[in-house]
């Protein structure tokens, strides 16, 4: 196995671990806010990136999604920093994802039903 293969496997393992953290965080957010209808995860090997669709959010004042960023919180089993944004369901695919997050087509909808 060459070094590139190992690096690819390491990145895939990091992304898989972050995906699990993202799923847990999305479920917890849904439990605390039942107005969240969908959650989209933007894969990244360094941080959790979520956009949550929430029915009571005020309409966005810009053309792009604007996340809040949080440090890792090991005590709550969130071992990676995170960026989380909430938008109205009607703004899905209308607003651009944050710069550097990729496109809506690259996002994965996470299962949030408890």
C-alpha atoms as a PDB file:
ATOM      1  CA  UNK A   1       0.000   0.000   0.000  1.00  0.00           C
ATOM      2  CA  UNK A   2       1.450   3.380  -0.984  1.00  0.00           C
ATOM      3  CA  UNK A   3       1.421   6.542   1.118  1.00  0.00           C
ATOM      4  CA  UNK A   4      -1.373   8.117  -0.979  1.00  0.00           C
ATOM      5  CA  UNK A   5      -3.620   5.114  -0.339  1.00  0.00           C
ATOM      6  CA  UNK A   6      -2.980   5.409   3.421  1.00  0.00           C
ATOM      7  CA  UNK A   7      -3.696   9.159   3.351  1.00  0.00           C
ATOM      8  CA  UNK A   8      -6.949   8.547   1.454  1.00  0.00           C
ATOM      9  CA  UNK A   9      -7.967   5.850   3.961  1.00  0.00           C
ATOM     10  CA  UNK A  10      -7.095   8.151   6.893  1.00  0.00           C
ATOM     11  CA  UNK A  11      -9.198  10.969   5.416  1.00  0.00           C
ATOM     12  CA  UNK A  12     -12.095   8.590   4.755  1.00  0.00           C
ATOM     13  CA  UNK A  13     -11.906   7.378   8.364  1.00  0.00           C
ATOM     14  CA  UNK A  14     -11.918  10.984   9.640  1.00  0.00           C
ATOM     15  CA  UNK A  15     -14.911  11.831   7.452  1.00  0.00           C
ATOM     16  CA  UNK A  16     -16.762   8.715   8.694  1.00  0.00           C
ATOM     17  CA  UNK A  17     -16.079   9.685  12.321  1.00  0.00           C
ATOM     18  CA  UNK A  18     -17.242  13.251  11.719  1.00  0.00           C
ATOM     19  CA  UNK A  19     -20.360  11.946   9.954  1.00  0.00           C
ATOM     20  CA  UNK A  20     -21.287   9.996  13.102  1.00  0.00           C
ATOM     21  CA  UNK A  21     -20.740  13.084  15.257  1.00  0.00           C
ATOM     22  CA  UNK A  22     -22.870  15.085  12.795  1.00  0.00           C
ATOM     23  CA  UNK A  23     -25.682  12.523  13.005  1.00  0.00           C
ATOM     24  CA  UNK A  24     -25.631  12.617  16.807  1.00  0.00           C
ATOM     25  CA  UNK A  25     -25.596  16.412  16.869  1.00  0.00           C
ATOM     26  CA  UNK A  26     -28.428  16.618  14.307  1.00  0.00           C
ATOM     27  CA  UNK A  27     -30.588  14.227  16.349  1.00  0.00           C
ATOM     28  CA  UNK A  28     -29.921  16.152  19.553  1.00  0.00           C
ATOM     29  CA  UNK A  29     -30.792  19.432  17.836  1.00  0.00           C
ATOM     30  CA  UNK A  30     -34.034  17.918  16.514  1.00  0.00           C
ATOM     31  CA  UNK A  31     -34.954  16.708  20.016  1.00  0.00           C
ATOM     32  CA  UNK A  32     -34.492  20.204  21.415  1.00  0.00           C
ATOM     33  CA  UNK A  33     -36.154  21.936  18.448  1.00  0.00           C
ATOM     34  CA  UNK A  34     -39.067  19.998  16.899  1.00  0.00           C
ATOM     35  CA  UNK A  35     -39.423  22.689  14.200  1.00  0.00           C
ATOM     36  CA  UNK A  36     -36.313  21.334  12.463  1.00  0.00           C
ATOM     37  CA  UNK A  37     -37.596  19.427   9.433  1.00  0.00           C
ATOM     38  CA  UNK A  38     -34.352  18.375   7.716  1.00  0.00           C
ATOM     39  CA  UNK A  39     -30.617  18.484   8.331  1.00  0.00           C
ATOM     40  CA  UNK A  40     -27.941  18.521   5.637  1.00  0.00           C
ATOM     41  CA  UNK A  41     -24.336  17.550   6.323  1.00  0.00           C
ATOM     42  CA  UNK A  42     -21.502  18.860   4.165  1.00  0.00           C
ATOM     43  CA  UNK A  43     -18.658  16.296   4.396  1.00  0.00           C
ATOM     44  CA  UNK A  44     -15.293  17.575   5.586  1.00  0.00           C
ATOM     45  CA  UNK A  45     -12.437  15.751   7.333  1.00  0.00           C
ATOM     46  CA  UNK A  46     -11.792  18.557   9.841  1.00  0.00           C
ATOM     47  CA  UNK A  47     -15.157  19.868  11.081  1.00  0.00           C
ATOM     48  CA  UNK A  48     -18.867  19.147  11.320  1.00  0.00           C
ATOM     49  CA  UNK A  49     -20.847  21.256   8.838  1.00  0.00           C
ATOM     50  CA  UNK A  50     -24.626  21.269   9.174  1.00  0.00           C
ATOM     51  CA  UNK A  51     -27.462  23.254   7.665  1.00  0.00           C
ATOM     52  CA  UNK A  52     -30.755  22.706   9.448  1.00  0.00           C
ATOM     53  CA  UNK A  53     -34.112  23.583   7.905  1.00  0.00           C
ATOM     54  CA  UNK A  54     -36.310  25.089  10.596  1.00  0.00           C
ATOM     55  CA  UNK A  55     -39.878  26.277  10.030  1.00  0.00           C
ATOM     56  CA  UNK A  56     -39.891  29.217  12.465  1.00  0.00           C
ATOM     57  CA  UNK A  57     -36.643  30.843  11.325  1.00  0.00           C
ATOM     58  CA  UNK A  58     -36.933  34.397  10.055  1.00  0.00           C
ATOM     59  CA  UNK A  59     -36.145  34.869   6.384  1.00  0.00           C
ATOM     60  CA  UNK A  60     -32.452  35.284   5.608  1.00  0.00           C
ATOM     61  CA  UNK A  61     -31.197  38.789   4.908  1.00  0.00           C
ATOM     62  CA  UNK A  62     -28.391  37.618   2.588  1.00  0.00           C
ATOM     63  CA  UNK A  63     -27.882  35.360  -0.424  1.00  0.00           C
ATOM     64  CA  UNK A  64     -25.731  32.853   1.433  1.00  0.00           C
ATOM     65  CA  UNK A  65     -26.159  30.636   4.463  1.00  0.00           C
ATOM     66  CA  UNK A  66     -24.372  32.094   7.490  1.00  0.00           C
ATOM     67  CA  UNK A  67     -23.305  29.480  10.066  1.00  0.00           C
ATOM     68  CA  UNK A  68     -22.344  29.840  13.690  1.00  0.00           C
ATOM     69  CA  UNK A  69     -19.073  28.135  14.597  1.00  0.00           C
ATOM     70  CA  UNK A  70     -18.425  26.182  17.789  1.00  0.00           C
ATOM     71  CA  UNK A  71     -15.277  24.571  19.208  1.00  0.00           C
ATOM     72  CA  UNK A  72     -15.096  20.856  19.865  1.00  0.00           C
ATOM     73  CA  UNK A  73     -16.793  19.775  23.089  1.00  0.00           C
ATOM     74  CA  UNK A  74     -15.307  16.465  24.193  1.00  0.00           C
ATOM     75  CA  UNK A  75     -17.490  16.367  27.320  1.00  0.00           C
ATOM     76  CA  UNK A  76     -20.533  16.157  25.004  1.00  0.00           C
ATOM     77  CA  UNK A  77     -18.921  13.660  22.593  1.00  0.00           C
ATOM     78  CA  UNK A  78     -18.405  16.303  19.918  1.00  0.00           C
ATOM     79  CA  UNK A  79     -14.721  15.829  19.193  1.00  0.00           C
ATOM     80  CA  UNK A  80     -14.592  18.150  16.182  1.00  0.00           C
ATOM     81  CA  UNK A  81     -15.331  21.828  15.760  1.00  0.00           C
ATOM     82  CA  UNK A  82     -18.643  22.544  14.073  1.00  0.00           C
ATOM     83  CA  UNK A  83     -20.394  25.042  11.863  1.00  0.00           C
ATOM     84  CA  UNK A  84     -24.180  25.028  12.128  1.00  0.00           C
ATOM     85  CA  UNK A  85     -26.687  27.168  10.264  1.00  0.00           C
ATOM     86  CA  UNK A  86     -30.459  27.296  10.333  1.00  0.00           C
ATOM     87  CA  UNK A  87     -32.561  28.440   7.398  1.00  0.00           C
ATOM     88  CA  UNK A  88     -36.232  28.330   6.402  1.00  0.00           C
ATOM     89  CA  UNK A  89     -37.247  25.266   4.345  1.00  0.00           C
ATOM     90  CA  UNK A  90     -38.252  27.625   1.504  1.00  0.00           C
ATOM     91  CA  UNK A  91     -34.617  28.840   1.316  1.00  0.00           C
ATOM     92  CA  UNK A  92     -33.244  25.331   0.674  1.00  0.00           C
ATOM     93  CA  UNK A  93     -31.235  25.392  -2.579  1.00  0.00           C
ATOM     94  CA  UNK A  94     -32.051  29.108  -2.953  1.00  0.00           C
ATOM     95  CA  UNK A  95     -29.339  30.321  -0.572  1.00  0.00           C
ATOM     96  CA  UNK A  96     -25.749  29.352  -1.345  1.00  0.00           C
ATOM     97  CA  UNK A  97     -23.940  27.150   1.182  1.00  0.00           C
ATOM     98  CA  UNK A  98     -21.148  28.896   3.104  1.00  0.00           C
ATOM     99  CA  UNK A  99     -17.952  29.517   1.180  1.00  0.00           C
ATOM    100  CA  UNK A 100     -15.753  26.419   1.131  1.00  0.00           C
ATOM    101  CA  UNK A 101     -18.545  24.017   2.130  1.00  0.00           C
ATOM    102  CA  UNK A 102     -19.279  22.742  -1.369  1.00  0.00           C
ATOM    103  CA  UNK A 103     -22.630  22.625  -3.111  1.00  0.00           C
ATOM    104  CA  UNK A 104     -26.093  21.449  -2.124  1.00  0.00           C
ATOM    105  CA  UNK A 105     -25.524  18.455  -4.432  1.00  0.00           C
ATOM    106  CA  UNK A 106     -22.541  17.414  -2.307  1.00  0.00           C
ATOM    107  CA  UNK A 107     -24.532  17.577   0.935  1.00  0.00           C
ATOM    108  CA  UNK A 108     -26.073  14.500   2.527  1.00  0.00           C
ATOM    109  CA  UNK A 109     -29.448  14.632   4.219  1.00  0.00           C
ATOM    110  CA  UNK A 110     -29.130  13.098   7.670  1.00  0.00           C
ATOM    111  CA  UNK A 111     -31.830  10.960   9.268  1.00  0.00           C
ATOM    112  CA  UNK A 112     -33.047  12.906  12.304  1.00  0.00           C
ATOM    113  CA  UNK A 113     -36.083  10.932  13.421  1.00  0.00           C
ATOM    114  CA  UNK A 114     -35.576   9.618  16.930  1.00  0.00           C
END
